[in-house]
Amino acid sequence: MTARMGNPALVVPGAMAGLSAIGKAVAATGISERTLELVHLRAGQINACGVCLDMHPKIAKKLGETDERLFAVAGWRDTPYFTEAERSALALAEAVTRVADRSDPVPDEVRRRVVLSRDR
C-alpha cells in the first residue's frame, strides 16, 4: 500500500520540532503514557490519519494496552473498559479535535469533567 501523501510532520519544515515540543509539554503533565496513546488514537480516528491509526495502537500495545480497549476507543462512551480519568481525556480530545464541528467546542461539562478527574 502506498500513502496518498507524505506525513506532513516530516514534509513541512519545522513541523516535527513543533510536534515534539507539544508532546514533551503534554508528557510533563503527568498523564499516563497509555492514556495519551488512547487520546492520540482517538484524534487519529477523527482526523482519519493513517499514520496515527497505524502508530498509536502499536505504541499502546508496547505499553501494555489490550486489544479489547484499543478496538473500543471509537465507542468509548458505550463500553465499560475505560476509567473516569480516561473518559475525561477522551472527551477533551474529541472536543478539541472537533473545534470546527460546533460553536462551543469544549463545553463547560467537558471542562468540569477533566478538572474533577484530575483532582482524583
PDB file of N, CA and C in Angstrom:
ATOM      1  N   MET A   1       0.842  -1.178   0.000  1.00  0.00           N
ATOM      2  CA  MET A   1       0.000   0.000   0.000  1.00  0.00           C
ATOM      3  C   MET A   1       0.884   1.236   0.000  1.00  0.00           C
ATOM      4  N   THR A   2       0.523   2.209  -0.789  1.00  0.00           N
ATOM      5  CA  THR A   2       1.267   3.457  -0.865  1.00  0.00           C
ATOM      6  C   THR A   2       0.417   4.577  -0.279  1.00  0.00           C
ATOM      7  N   ALA A   3       1.032   5.376   0.569  1.00  0.00           N
ATOM      8  CA  ALA A   3       0.314   6.506   1.165  1.00  0.00           C
ATOM      9  C   ALA A   3      -0.032   7.534   0.097  1.00  0.00           C
ATOM     10  N   ARG A   4      -1.162   8.181   0.252  1.00  0.00           N
ATOM     11  CA  ARG A   4      -1.616   9.212  -0.671  1.00  0.00           C
ATOM     12  C   ARG A   4      -0.685  10.414  -0.655  1.00  0.00           C
ATOM     13  N   MET A   5      -0.128  10.714   0.495  1.00  0.00           N
ATOM     14  CA  MET A   5       0.780  11.850   0.630  1.00  0.00           C
ATOM     15  C   MET A   5       1.767  11.558   1.752  1.00  0.00           C
ATOM     16  N   GLY A   6       2.851  12.291   1.770  1.00  0.00           N
ATOM     17  CA  GLY A   6       3.832  12.138   2.829  1.00  0.00           C
ATOM     18  C   GLY A   6       3.301  12.661   4.151  1.00  0.00           C
ATOM     19  N   ASN A   7       3.860  12.171   5.223  1.00  0.00           N
ATOM     20  CA  ASN A   7       3.481  12.627   6.554  1.00  0.00           C
ATOM     21  C   ASN A   7       3.841  14.110   6.676  1.00  0.00           C
ATOM     22  N   PRO A   8       2.831  14.982   6.895  1.00  0.00           N
ATOM     23  CA  PRO A   8       3.107  16.421   6.984  1.00  0.00           C
ATOM     24  C   PRO A   8       4.148  16.774   8.038  1.00  0.00           C
ATOM     25  N   ALA A   9       4.199  16.004   9.117  1.00  0.00           N
ATOM     26  CA  ALA A   9       5.183  16.287  10.166  1.00  0.00           C
ATOM     27  C   ALA A   9       6.604  16.093   9.663  1.00  0.00           C
ATOM     28  N   LEU A  10       6.760  15.280   8.636  1.00  0.00           N
ATOM     29  CA  LEU A  10       8.087  15.031   8.079  1.00  0.00           C
ATOM     30  C   LEU A  10       8.365  15.871   6.840  1.00  0.00           C
ATOM     31  N   VAL A  11       7.324  16.362   6.193  1.00  0.00           N
ATOM     32  CA  VAL A  11       7.461  17.101   4.942  1.00  0.00           C
ATOM     33  C   VAL A  11       7.541  18.614   5.166  1.00  0.00           C
ATOM     34  N   VAL A  12       6.756  19.122   6.112  1.00  0.00           N
ATOM     35  CA  VAL A  12       6.709  20.563   6.371  1.00  0.00           C
ATOM     36  C   VAL A  12       7.891  20.945   7.262  1.00  0.00           C
ATOM     37  N   PRO A  13       8.745  21.840   6.804  1.00  0.00           N
ATOM     38  CA  PRO A  13       9.907  22.242   7.603  1.00  0.00           C
ATOM     39  C   PRO A  13       9.482  22.773   8.982  1.00  0.00           C
ATOM     40  N   GLY A  14      10.085  22.243  10.024  1.00  0.00           N
ATOM     41  CA  GLY A  14       9.816  22.703  11.387  1.00  0.00           C
ATOM     42  C   GLY A  14       8.632  22.033  12.055  1.00  0.00           C
ATOM     43  N   ALA A  15       7.832  21.309  11.309  1.00  0.00           N
ATOM     44  CA  ALA A  15       6.633  20.713  11.897  1.00  0.00           C
ATOM     45  C   ALA A  15       6.978  19.679  12.961  1.00  0.00           C
ATOM     46  N   MET A  16       7.942  18.834  12.698  1.00  0.00           N
ATOM     47  CA  MET A  16       8.289  17.789  13.665  1.00  0.00           C
ATOM     48  C   MET A  16       8.823  18.403  14.961  1.00  0.00           C
ATOM     49  N   ALA A  17       9.589  19.462  14.846  1.00  0.00           N
ATOM     50  CA  ALA A  17      10.102  20.124  16.053  1.00  0.00           C
ATOM     51  C   ALA A  17       8.950  20.668  16.889  1.00  0.00           C
ATOM     52  N   GLY A  18       7.963  21.250  16.228  1.00  0.00           N
ATOM     53  CA  GLY A  18       6.798  21.772  16.933  1.00  0.00           C
ATOM     54  C   GLY A  18       5.995  20.665  17.602  1.00  0.00           C
ATOM     55  N   LEU A  19       5.764  19.585  16.874  1.00  0.00           N
ATOM     56  CA  LEU A  19       5.028  18.456  17.440  1.00  0.00           C
ATOM     57  C   LEU A  19       5.788  17.840  18.613  1.00  0.00           C
ATOM     58  N   SER A  20       7.087  17.756  18.484  1.00  0.00           N
ATOM     59  CA  SER A  20       7.909  17.209  19.558  1.00  0.00           C
ATOM     60  C   SER A  20       7.814  18.073  20.818  1.00  0.00           C
ATOM     61  N   ALA A  21       7.840  19.381  20.643  1.00  0.00           N
ATOM     62  CA  ALA A  21       7.729  20.298  21.785  1.00  0.00           C
ATOM     63  C   ALA A  21       6.374  20.154  22.464  1.00  0.00           C
ATOM     64  N   ILE A  22       5.319  20.049  21.682  1.00  0.00           N
ATOM     65  CA  ILE A  22       3.985  19.861  22.254  1.00  0.00           C
ATOM     66  C   ILE A  22       3.927  18.532  23.002  1.00  0.00           C
ATOM     67  N   GLY A  23       4.475  17.487  22.394  1.00  0.00           N
ATOM     68  CA  GLY A  23       4.491  16.174  23.035  1.00  0.00           C
ATOM     69  C   GLY A  23       5.198  16.192  24.376  1.00  0.00           C
ATOM     70  N   LYS A  24       6.322  16.890  24.451  1.00  0.00           N
ATOM     71  CA  LYS A  24       7.067  16.987  25.709  1.00  0.00           C
ATOM     72  C   LYS A  24       6.267  17.754  26.762  1.00  0.00           C
ATOM     73  N   ALA A  25       5.598  18.817  26.340  1.00  0.00           N
ATOM     74  CA  ALA A  25       4.798  19.603  27.282  1.00  0.00           C
ATOM     75  C   ALA A  25       3.634  18.776  27.826  1.00  0.00           C
ATOM     76  N   VAL A  26       2.973  18.020  26.961  1.00  0.00           N
ATOM     77  CA  VAL A  26       1.861  17.178  27.395  1.00  0.00           C
ATOM     78  C   VAL A  26       2.370  16.071  28.317  1.00  0.00           C
ATOM     79  N   ALA A  27       3.475  15.446  27.972  1.00  0.00           N
ATOM     80  CA  ALA A  27       4.040  14.383  28.810  1.00  0.00           C
ATOM     81  C   ALA A  27       4.390  14.899  30.201  1.00  0.00           C
ATOM     82  N   ALA A  28       4.784  16.147  30.294  1.00  0.00           N
ATOM     83  CA  ALA A  28       5.158  16.742  31.582  1.00  0.00           C
ATOM     84  C   ALA A  28       3.966  16.947  32.504  1.00  0.00           C
ATOM     85  N   THR A  29       2.743  16.817  31.999  1.00  0.00           N
ATOM     86  CA  THR A  29       1.555  16.985  32.839  1.00  0.00           C
ATOM     87  C   THR A  29       1.352  15.831  33.792  1.00  0.00           C
ATOM     88  N   GLY A  30       1.987  14.688  33.505  1.00  0.00           N
ATOM     89  CA  GLY A  30       1.829  13.526  34.368  1.00  0.00           C
ATOM     90  C   GLY A  30       0.740  12.568  33.917  1.00  0.00           C
ATOM     91  N   ILE A  31       0.064  12.865  32.829  1.00  0.00           N
ATOM     92  CA  ILE A  31      -0.936  11.936  32.291  1.00  0.00           C
ATOM     93  C   ILE A  31      -0.202  10.671  31.856  1.00  0.00           C
ATOM     94  N   SER A  32      -0.779   9.523  32.144  1.00  0.00           N
ATOM     95  CA  SER A  32      -0.097   8.267  31.822  1.00  0.00           C
ATOM     96  C   SER A  32       0.123   8.138  30.316  1.00  0.00           C
ATOM     97  N   GLU A  33       1.216   7.479  29.961  1.00  0.00           N
ATOM     98  CA  GLU A  33       1.540   7.272  28.549  1.00  0.00           C
ATOM     99  C   GLU A  33       0.442   6.474  27.854  1.00  0.00           C
ATOM    100  N   ARG A  34      -0.121   5.505  28.553  1.00  0.00           N
ATOM    101  CA  ARG A  34      -1.195   4.701  27.953  1.00  0.00           C
ATOM    102  C   ARG A  34      -2.409   5.551  27.639  1.00  0.00           C
ATOM    103  N   THR A  35      -2.778   6.437  28.562  1.00  0.00           N
ATOM    104  CA  THR A  35      -3.917   7.325  28.307  1.00  0.00           C
ATOM    105  C   THR A  35      -3.617   8.246  27.139  1.00  0.00           C
ATOM    106  N   LEU A  36      -2.409   8.765  27.087  1.00  0.00           N
ATOM    107  CA  LEU A  36      -2.044   9.639  25.962  1.00  0.00           C
ATOM    108  C   LEU A  36      -2.134   8.899  24.630  1.00  0.00           C
ATOM    109  N   GLU A  37      -1.738   7.641  24.602  1.00  0.00           N
ATOM    110  CA  GLU A  37      -1.832   6.881  23.357  1.00  0.00           C
ATOM    111  C   GLU A  37      -3.291   6.651  22.961  1.00  0.00           C
ATOM    112  N   LEU A  38      -4.173   6.428  23.932  1.00  0.00           N
ATOM    113  CA  LEU A  38      -5.603   6.310  23.628  1.00  0.00           C
ATOM    114  C   LEU A  38      -6.128   7.611  23.045  1.00  0.00           C
ATOM    115  N   VAL A  39      -5.708   8.718  23.624  1.00  0.00           N
ATOM    116  CA  VAL A  39      -6.116  10.040  23.130  1.00  0.00           C
ATOM    117  C   VAL A  39      -5.592  10.267  21.716  1.00  0.00           C
ATOM    118  N   HIS A  40      -4.333   9.945  21.474  1.00  0.00           N
ATOM    119  CA  HIS A  40      -3.763  10.108  20.135  1.00  0.00           C
ATOM    120  C   HIS A  40      -4.507   9.237  19.123  1.00  0.00           C
ATOM    121  N   LEU A  41      -4.837   8.013  19.530  1.00  0.00           N
ATOM    122  CA  LEU A  41      -5.568   7.119  18.640  1.00  0.00           C
ATOM    123  C   LEU A  41      -6.939   7.696  18.317  1.00  0.00           C
ATOM    124  N   ARG A  42      -7.633   8.202  19.323  1.00  0.00           N
ATOM    125  CA  ARG A  42      -8.983   8.758  19.080  1.00  0.00           C
ATOM    126  C   ARG A  42      -8.907   9.966  18.161  1.00  0.00           C
ATOM    127  N   ALA A  43      -7.959  10.845  18.376  1.00  0.00           N
ATOM    128  CA  ALA A  43      -7.804  12.002  17.488  1.00  0.00           C
ATOM    129  C   ALA A  43      -7.473  11.537  16.072  1.00  0.00           C
ATOM    130  N   GLY A  44      -6.640  10.513  15.953  1.00  0.00           N
ATOM    131  CA  GLY A  44      -6.308   9.970  14.645  1.00  0.00           C
ATOM    132  C   GLY A  44      -7.520   9.385  13.945  1.00  0.00           C
ATOM    133  N   GLN A  45      -8.409   8.745  14.716  1.00  0.00           N
ATOM    134  CA  GLN A  45      -9.641   8.216  14.133  1.00  0.00           C
ATOM    135  C   GLN A  45     -10.506   9.348  13.601  1.00  0.00           C
ATOM    136  N   ILE A  46     -10.661  10.398  14.389  1.00  0.00           N
ATOM    137  CA  ILE A  46     -11.493  11.537  13.980  1.00  0.00           C
ATOM    138  C   ILE A  46     -10.919  12.197  12.735  1.00  0.00           C
ATOM    139  N   ASN A  47      -9.609  12.348  12.699  1.00  0.00           N
ATOM    140  CA  ASN A  47      -8.945  13.026  11.576  1.00  0.00           C
ATOM    141  C   ASN A  47      -8.650  12.096  10.400  1.00  0.00           C
ATOM    142  N   ALA A  48      -8.975  10.817  10.549  1.00  0.00           N
ATOM    143  CA  ALA A  48      -8.676   9.816   9.521  1.00  0.00           C
ATOM    144  C   ALA A  48      -7.197   9.860   9.132  1.00  0.00           C
ATOM    145  N   CYS A  49      -6.336   9.916  10.141  1.00  0.00           N
ATOM    146  CA  CYS A  49      -4.892   9.980   9.936  1.00  0.00           C
ATOM    147  C   CYS A  49      -4.321   8.575   9.906  1.00  0.00           C
ATOM    148  N   GLY A  50      -3.948   8.120   8.731  1.00  0.00           N
ATOM    149  CA  GLY A  50      -3.410   6.779   8.581  1.00  0.00           C
ATOM    150  C   GLY A  50      -2.169   6.532   9.403  1.00  0.00           C
ATOM    151  N   VAL A  51      -1.295   7.525   9.486  1.00  0.00           N
ATOM    152  CA  VAL A  51      -0.073   7.380  10.287  1.00  0.00           C
ATOM    153  C   VAL A  51      -0.441   7.156  11.749  1.00  0.00           C
ATOM    154  N   CYS A  52      -1.359   7.944  12.265  1.00  0.00           N
ATOM    155  CA  CYS A  52      -1.779   7.820  13.666  1.00  0.00           C
ATOM    156  C   CYS A  52      -2.463   6.482  13.929  1.00  0.00           C
ATOM    157  N   LEU A  53      -3.306   6.055  12.995  1.00  0.00           N
ATOM    158  CA  LEU A  53      -4.047   4.808  13.171  1.00  0.00           C
ATOM    159  C   LEU A  53      -3.124   3.595  13.153  1.00  0.00           C
ATOM    160  N   ASP A  54      -1.995   3.726  12.506  1.00  0.00           N
ATOM    161  CA  ASP A  54      -1.012   2.651  12.479  1.00  0.00           C
ATOM    162  C   ASP A  54      -0.081   2.724  13.689  1.00  0.00           C
ATOM    163  N   MET A  55       0.382   3.911  14.015  1.00  0.00           N
ATOM    164  CA  MET A  55       1.427   4.095  15.013  1.00  0.00           C
ATOM    165  C   MET A  55       0.934   3.966  16.456  1.00  0.00           C
ATOM    166  N   HIS A  56      -0.149   4.653  16.811  1.00  0.00           N
ATOM    167  CA  HIS A  56      -0.530   4.747  18.227  1.00  0.00           C
ATOM    168  C   HIS A  56      -0.994   3.423  18.843  1.00  0.00           C
ATOM    169  N   PRO A  57      -1.719   2.562  18.121  1.00  0.00           N
ATOM    170  CA  PRO A  57      -2.023   1.255  18.726  1.00  0.00           C
ATOM    171  C   PRO A  57      -0.758   0.431  18.983  1.00  0.00           C
ATOM    172  N   LYS A  58       0.225   0.527  18.101  1.00  0.00           N
ATOM    173  CA  LYS A  58       1.473  -0.217  18.299  1.00  0.00           C
ATOM    174  C   LYS A  58       2.200   0.267  19.546  1.00  0.00           C
ATOM    175  N   ILE A  59       2.267   1.584  19.720  1.00  0.00           N
ATOM    176  CA  ILE A  59       2.918   2.137  20.916  1.00  0.00           C
ATOM    177  C   ILE A  59       2.137   1.730  22.160  1.00  0.00           C
ATOM    178  N   ALA A  60       0.803   1.846  22.092  1.00  0.00           N
ATOM    179  CA  ALA A  60      -0.036   1.490  23.238  1.00  0.00           C
ATOM    180  C   ALA A  60       0.148   0.024  23.621  1.00  0.00           C
ATOM    181  N   LYS A  61       0.230  -0.847  22.643  1.00  0.00           N
ATOM    182  CA  LYS A  61       0.445  -2.276  22.920  1.00  0.00           C
ATOM    183  C   LYS A  61       1.775  -2.490  23.638  1.00  0.00           C
ATOM    184  N   LYS A  62       2.815  -1.778  23.227  1.00  0.00           N
ATOM    185  CA  LYS A  62       4.118  -1.903  23.883  1.00  0.00           C
ATOM    186  C   LYS A  62       4.048  -1.428  25.333  1.00  0.00           C
ATOM    187  N   LEU A  63       3.104  -0.525  25.616  1.00  0.00           N
ATOM    188  CA  LEU A  63       2.917  -0.010  26.973  1.00  0.00           C
ATOM    189  C   LEU A  63       1.975  -0.892  27.796  1.00  0.00           C
ATOM    190  N   GLY A  64       1.496  -1.988  27.194  1.00  0.00           N
ATOM    191  CA  GLY A  64       0.647  -2.922  27.917  1.00  0.00           C
ATOM    192  C   GLY A  64      -0.839  -2.802  27.634  1.00  0.00           C
ATOM    193  N   GLU A  65      -1.215  -1.979  26.678  1.00  0.00           N
ATOM    194  CA  GLU A  65      -2.636  -1.806  26.355  1.00  0.00           C
ATOM    195  C   GLU A  65      -3.185  -3.080  25.725  1.00  0.00           C
ATOM    196  N   THR A  66      -4.473  -3.345  25.957  1.00  0.00           N
ATOM    197  CA  THR A  66      -5.104  -4.561  25.432  1.00  0.00           C
ATOM    198  C   THR A  66      -5.802  -4.278  24.105  1.00  0.00           C
ATOM    199  N   ASP A  67      -5.920  -5.337  23.304  1.00  0.00           N
ATOM    200  CA  ASP A  67      -6.659  -5.215  22.043  1.00  0.00           C
ATOM    201  C   ASP A  67      -8.103  -4.792  22.305  1.00  0.00           C
ATOM    202  N   GLU A  68      -8.698  -5.369  23.340  1.00  0.00           N
ATOM    203  CA  GLU A  68     -10.092  -5.075  23.669  1.00  0.00           C
ATOM    204  C   GLU A  68     -10.320  -3.571  23.823  1.00  0.00           C
ATOM    205  N   ARG A  69      -9.455  -2.915  24.564  1.00  0.00           N
ATOM    206  CA  ARG A  69      -9.604  -1.473  24.780  1.00  0.00           C
ATOM    207  C   ARG A  69      -9.259  -0.685  23.525  1.00  0.00           C
ATOM    208  N   LEU A  70      -8.229  -1.097  22.801  1.00  0.00           N
ATOM    209  CA  LEU A  70      -7.869  -0.387  21.568  1.00  0.00           C
ATOM    210  C   LEU A  70      -9.000  -0.454  20.549  1.00  0.00           C
ATOM    211  N   PHE A  71      -9.618  -1.623  20.425  1.00  0.00           N
ATOM    212  CA  PHE A  71     -10.716  -1.775  19.471  1.00  0.00           C
ATOM    213  C   PHE A  71     -11.935  -0.950  19.883  1.00  0.00           C
ATOM    214  N   ALA A  72     -12.054  -0.640  21.169  1.00  0.00           N
ATOM    215  CA  ALA A  72     -13.233   0.059  21.679  1.00  0.00           C
ATOM    216  C   ALA A  72     -13.071   1.573  21.761  1.00  0.00           C
ATOM    217  N   VAL A  73     -11.911   2.102  21.440  1.00  0.00           N
ATOM    218  CA  VAL A  73     -11.673   3.541  21.607  1.00  0.00           C
ATOM    219  C   VAL A  73     -12.712   4.389  20.870  1.00  0.00           C
ATOM    220  N   ALA A  74     -13.060   4.013  19.659  1.00  0.00           N
ATOM    221  CA  ALA A  74     -14.029   4.816  18.894  1.00  0.00           C
ATOM    222  C   ALA A  74     -15.393   4.860  19.581  1.00  0.00           C
ATOM    223  N   GLY A  75     -15.719   3.842  20.362  1.00  0.00           N
ATOM    224  CA  GLY A  75     -17.001   3.797  21.063  1.00  0.00           C
ATOM    225  C   GLY A  75     -16.838   3.853  22.568  1.00  0.00           C
ATOM    226  N   TRP A  76     -15.872   4.627  23.039  1.00  0.00           N
ATOM    227  CA  TRP A  76     -15.509   4.653  24.457  1.00  0.00           C
ATOM    228  C   TRP A  76     -16.682   4.980  25.376  1.00  0.00           C
ATOM    229  N   ARG A  77     -17.638   5.774  24.906  1.00  0.00           N
ATOM    230  CA  ARG A  77     -18.771   6.148  25.762  1.00  0.00           C
ATOM    231  C   ARG A  77     -19.655   4.940  26.100  1.00  0.00           C
ATOM    232  N   ASP A  78     -19.705   3.978  25.190  1.00  0.00           N
ATOM    233  CA  ASP A  78     -20.640   2.864  25.310  1.00  0.00           C
ATOM    234  C   ASP A  78     -19.990   1.556  25.721  1.00  0.00           C
ATOM    235  N   THR A  79     -18.775   1.613  26.234  1.00  0.00           N
ATOM    236  CA  THR A  79     -18.090   0.398  26.675  1.00  0.00           C
ATOM    237  C   THR A  79     -17.672   0.554  28.132  1.00  0.00           C
ATOM    238  N   PRO A  80     -17.482  -0.555  28.820  1.00  0.00           N
ATOM    239  CA  PRO A  80     -17.118  -0.490  30.242  1.00  0.00           C
ATOM    240  C   PRO A  80     -15.619  -0.487  30.501  1.00  0.00           C
ATOM    241  N   TYR A  81     -14.801  -0.320  29.475  1.00  0.00           N
ATOM    242  CA  TYR A  81     -13.363  -0.582  29.591  1.00  0.00           C
ATOM    243  C   TYR A  81     -12.508   0.579  30.071  1.00  0.00           C
ATOM    244  N   PHE A  82     -13.069   1.767  30.204  1.00  0.00           N
ATOM    245  CA  PHE A  82     -12.249   2.939  30.475  1.00  0.00           C
ATOM    246  C   PHE A  82     -12.578   3.552  31.826  1.00  0.00           C
ATOM    247  N   THR A  83     -11.530   4.049  32.491  1.00  0.00           N
ATOM    248  CA  THR A  83     -11.716   4.720  33.784  1.00  0.00           C
ATOM    249  C   THR A  83     -12.332   6.095  33.562  1.00  0.00           C
ATOM    250  N   GLU A  84     -12.759   6.699  34.635  1.00  0.00           N
ATOM    251  CA  GLU A  84     -13.328   8.049  34.526  1.00  0.00           C
ATOM    252  C   GLU A  84     -12.276   9.035  34.022  1.00  0.00           C
ATOM    253  N   ALA A  85     -11.038   8.904  34.478  1.00  0.00           N
ATOM    254  CA  ALA A  85      -9.967   9.795  34.006  1.00  0.00           C
ATOM    255  C   ALA A  85      -9.733   9.609  32.506  1.00  0.00           C
ATOM    256  N   GLU A  86      -9.743   8.365  32.044  1.00  0.00           N
ATOM    257  CA  GLU A  86      -9.565   8.111  30.608  1.00  0.00           C
ATOM    258  C   GLU A  86     -10.736   8.662  29.804  1.00  0.00           C
ATOM    259  N   ARG A  87     -11.943   8.502  30.329  1.00  0.00           N
ATOM    260  CA  ARG A  87     -13.134   9.039  29.650  1.00  0.00           C
ATOM    261  C   ARG A  87     -13.051  10.561  29.558  1.00  0.00           C
ATOM    262  N   SER A  88     -12.567  11.183  30.610  1.00  0.00           N
ATOM    263  CA  SER A  88     -12.404  12.639  30.598  1.00  0.00           C
ATOM    264  C   SER A  88     -11.389  13.056  29.543  1.00  0.00           C
ATOM    265  N   ALA A  89     -10.283  12.337  29.475  1.00  0.00           N
ATOM    266  CA  ALA A  89      -9.253  12.647  28.478  1.00  0.00           C
ATOM    267  C   ALA A  89      -9.782  12.439  27.063  1.00  0.00           C
ATOM    268  N   LEU A  90     -10.534  11.369  26.852  1.00  0.00           N
ATOM    269  CA  LEU A  90     -11.096  11.111  25.524  1.00  0.00           C
ATOM    270  C   LEU A  90     -12.149  12.158  25.155  1.00  0.00           C
ATOM    271  N   ALA A  91     -12.956  12.574  26.120  1.00  0.00           N
ATOM    272  CA  ALA A  91     -13.957  13.622  25.860  1.00  0.00           C
ATOM    273  C   ALA A  91     -13.272  14.929  25.474  1.00  0.00           C
ATOM    274  N   LEU A  92     -12.223  15.275  26.207  1.00  0.00           N
ATOM    275  CA  LEU A  92     -11.490  16.506  25.894  1.00  0.00           C
ATOM    276  C   LEU A  92     -10.812  16.386  24.527  1.00  0.00           C
ATOM    277  N   ALA A  93     -10.233  15.244  24.252  1.00  0.00           N
ATOM    278  CA  ALA A  93      -9.588  15.031  22.945  1.00  0.00           C
ATOM    279  C   ALA A  93     -10.589  15.222  21.810  1.00  0.00           C
ATOM    280  N   GLU A  94     -11.770  14.654  21.960  1.00  0.00           N
ATOM    281  CA  GLU A  94     -12.786  14.818  20.917  1.00  0.00           C
ATOM    282  C   GLU A  94     -13.199  16.275  20.783  1.00  0.00           C
ATOM    283  N   ALA A  95     -13.378  16.945  21.916  1.00  0.00           N
ATOM    284  CA  ALA A  95     -13.810  18.344  21.871  1.00  0.00           C
ATOM    285  C   ALA A  95     -12.796  19.224  21.155  1.00  0.00           C
ATOM    286  N   VAL A  96     -11.524  19.075  21.491  1.00  0.00           N
ATOM    287  CA  VAL A  96     -10.522  19.960  20.888  1.00  0.00           C
ATOM    288  C   VAL A  96     -10.139  19.527  19.478  1.00  0.00           C
ATOM    289  N   THR A  97     -10.417  18.270  19.129  1.00  0.00           N
ATOM    290  CA  THR A  97     -10.148  17.819  17.762  1.00  0.00           C
ATOM    291  C   THR A  97     -11.255  18.269  16.829  1.00  0.00           C
ATOM    292  N   ARG A  98     -12.445  18.420  17.358  1.00  0.00           N
ATOM    293  CA  ARG A  98     -13.606  18.775  16.536  1.00  0.00           C
ATOM    294  C   ARG A  98     -14.000  20.238  16.728  1.00  0.00           C
ATOM    295  N   VAL A  99     -13.044  21.120  16.857  1.00  0.00           N
ATOM    296  CA  VAL A  99     -13.348  22.522  17.125  1.00  0.00           C
ATOM    297  C   VAL A  99     -14.209  23.154  16.039  1.00  0.00           C
ATOM    298  N   ALA A 100     -14.116  22.706  14.806  1.00  0.00           N
ATOM    299  CA  ALA A 100     -14.894  23.302  13.717  1.00  0.00           C
ATOM    300  C   ALA A 100     -16.304  22.722  13.614  1.00  0.00           C
ATOM    301  N   ASP A 101     -16.587  21.659  14.371  1.00  0.00           N
ATOM    302  CA  ASP A 101     -17.886  20.988  14.269  1.00  0.00           C
ATOM    303  C   ASP A 101     -19.010  21.673  15.029  1.00  0.00           C
ATOM    304  N   ARG A 102     -18.685  22.557  15.963  1.00  0.00           N
ATOM    305  CA  ARG A 102     -19.741  23.183  16.765  1.00  0.00           C
ATOM    306  C   ARG A 102     -19.274  24.526  17.305  1.00  0.00           C
ATOM    307  N   SER A 103     -20.228  25.314  17.719  1.00  0.00           N
ATOM    308  CA  SER A 103     -19.905  26.673  18.165  1.00  0.00           C
ATOM    309  C   SER A 103     -19.210  26.701  19.525  1.00  0.00           C
ATOM    310  N   ASP A 104     -19.450  25.699  20.364  1.00  0.00           N
ATOM    311  CA  ASP A 104     -18.828  25.635  21.690  1.00  0.00           C
ATOM    312  C   ASP A 104     -18.016  24.342  21.757  1.00  0.00           C
ATOM    313  N   PRO A 105     -16.805  24.341  21.191  1.00  0.00           N
ATOM    314  CA  PRO A 105     -16.056  23.102  21.040  1.00  0.00           C
ATOM    315  C   PRO A 105     -15.701  22.388  22.337  1.00  0.00           C
ATOM    316  N   VAL A 106     -15.447  23.118  23.393  1.00  0.00           N
ATOM    317  CA  VAL A 106     -15.153  22.480  24.680  1.00  0.00           C
ATOM    318  C   VAL A 106     -16.182  22.989  25.689  1.00  0.00           C
ATOM    319  N   PRO A 107     -17.311  22.299  25.751  1.00  0.00           N
ATOM    320  CA  PRO A 107     -18.377  22.736  26.645  1.00  0.00           C
ATOM    321  C   PRO A 107     -17.946  22.717  28.111  1.00  0.00           C
ATOM    322  N   ASP A 108     -18.634  23.499  28.913  1.00  0.00           N
ATOM    323  CA  ASP A 108     -18.319  23.573  30.343  1.00  0.00           C
ATOM    324  C   ASP A 108     -18.337  22.200  31.002  1.00  0.00           C
ATOM    325  N   GLU A 109     -19.252  21.326  30.607  1.00  0.00           N
ATOM    326  CA  GLU A 109     -19.335  19.995  31.195  1.00  0.00           C
ATOM    327  C   GLU A 109     -18.056  19.198  30.947  1.00  0.00           C
ATOM    328  N   VAL A 110     -17.480  19.317  29.774  1.00  0.00           N
ATOM    329  CA  VAL A 110     -16.222  18.622  29.474  1.00  0.00           C
ATOM    330  C   VAL A 110     -15.107  19.194  30.335  1.00  0.00           C
ATOM    331  N   ARG A 111     -15.047  20.500  30.461  1.00  0.00           N
ATOM    332  CA  ARG A 111     -14.023  21.120  31.310  1.00  0.00           C
ATOM    333  C   ARG A 111     -14.149  20.668  32.755  1.00  0.00           C
ATOM    334  N   ARG A 112     -15.385  20.674  33.280  1.00  0.00           N
ATOM    335  CA  ARG A 112     -15.619  20.232  34.664  1.00  0.00           C
ATOM    336  C   ARG A 112     -15.169  18.788  34.855  1.00  0.00           C
ATOM    337  N   ARG A 113     -15.504  17.955  33.898  1.00  0.00           N
ATOM    338  CA  ARG A 113     -15.162  16.532  33.990  1.00  0.00           C
ATOM    339  C   ARG A 113     -13.637  16.343  34.049  1.00  0.00           C
ATOM    340  N   VAL A 114     -12.921  17.098  33.239  1.00  0.00           N
ATOM    341  CA  VAL A 114     -11.463  16.993  33.228  1.00  0.00           C
ATOM    342  C   VAL A 114     -10.897  17.453  34.561  1.00  0.00           C
ATOM    343  N   VAL A 115     -11.372  18.561  35.069  1.00  0.00           N
ATOM    344  CA  VAL A 115     -10.871  19.087  36.343  1.00  0.00           C
ATOM    345  C   VAL A 115     -11.186  18.111  37.471  1.00  0.00           C
ATOM    346  N   LEU A 116     -12.382  17.564  37.496  1.00  0.00           N
ATOM    347  CA  LEU A 116     -12.730  16.616  38.554  1.00  0.00           C
ATOM    348  C   LEU A 116     -11.890  15.352  38.484  1.00  0.00           C
ATOM    349  N   SER A 117     -11.661  14.831  37.295  1.00  0.00           N
ATOM    350  CA  SER A 117     -10.868  13.596  37.193  1.00  0.00           C
ATOM    351  C   SER A 117      -9.403  13.845  37.523  1.00  0.00           C
ATOM    352  N   ARG A 118      -8.939  15.048  37.261  1.00  0.00           N
ATOM    353  CA  ARG A 118      -7.551  15.403  37.573  1.00  0.00           C
ATOM    354  C   ARG A 118      -7.345  15.474  39.086  1.00  0.00           C
ATOM    355  N   ASP A 119      -8.369  15.870  39.810  1.00  0.00           N
ATOM    356  CA  ASP A 119      -8.254  16.020  41.264  1.00  0.00           C
ATOM    357  C   ASP A 119      -8.368  14.707  42.011  1.00  0.00           C
ATOM    358  N   ARG A 120      -8.667  13.624  41.316  1.00  0.00           N
ATOM    359  CA  ARG A 120      -8.822  12.331  41.994  1.00  0.00           C
ATOM    360  C   ARG A 120      -7.508  11.663  42.221  1.00  0.00           C
TER     361      ARG A 120
END
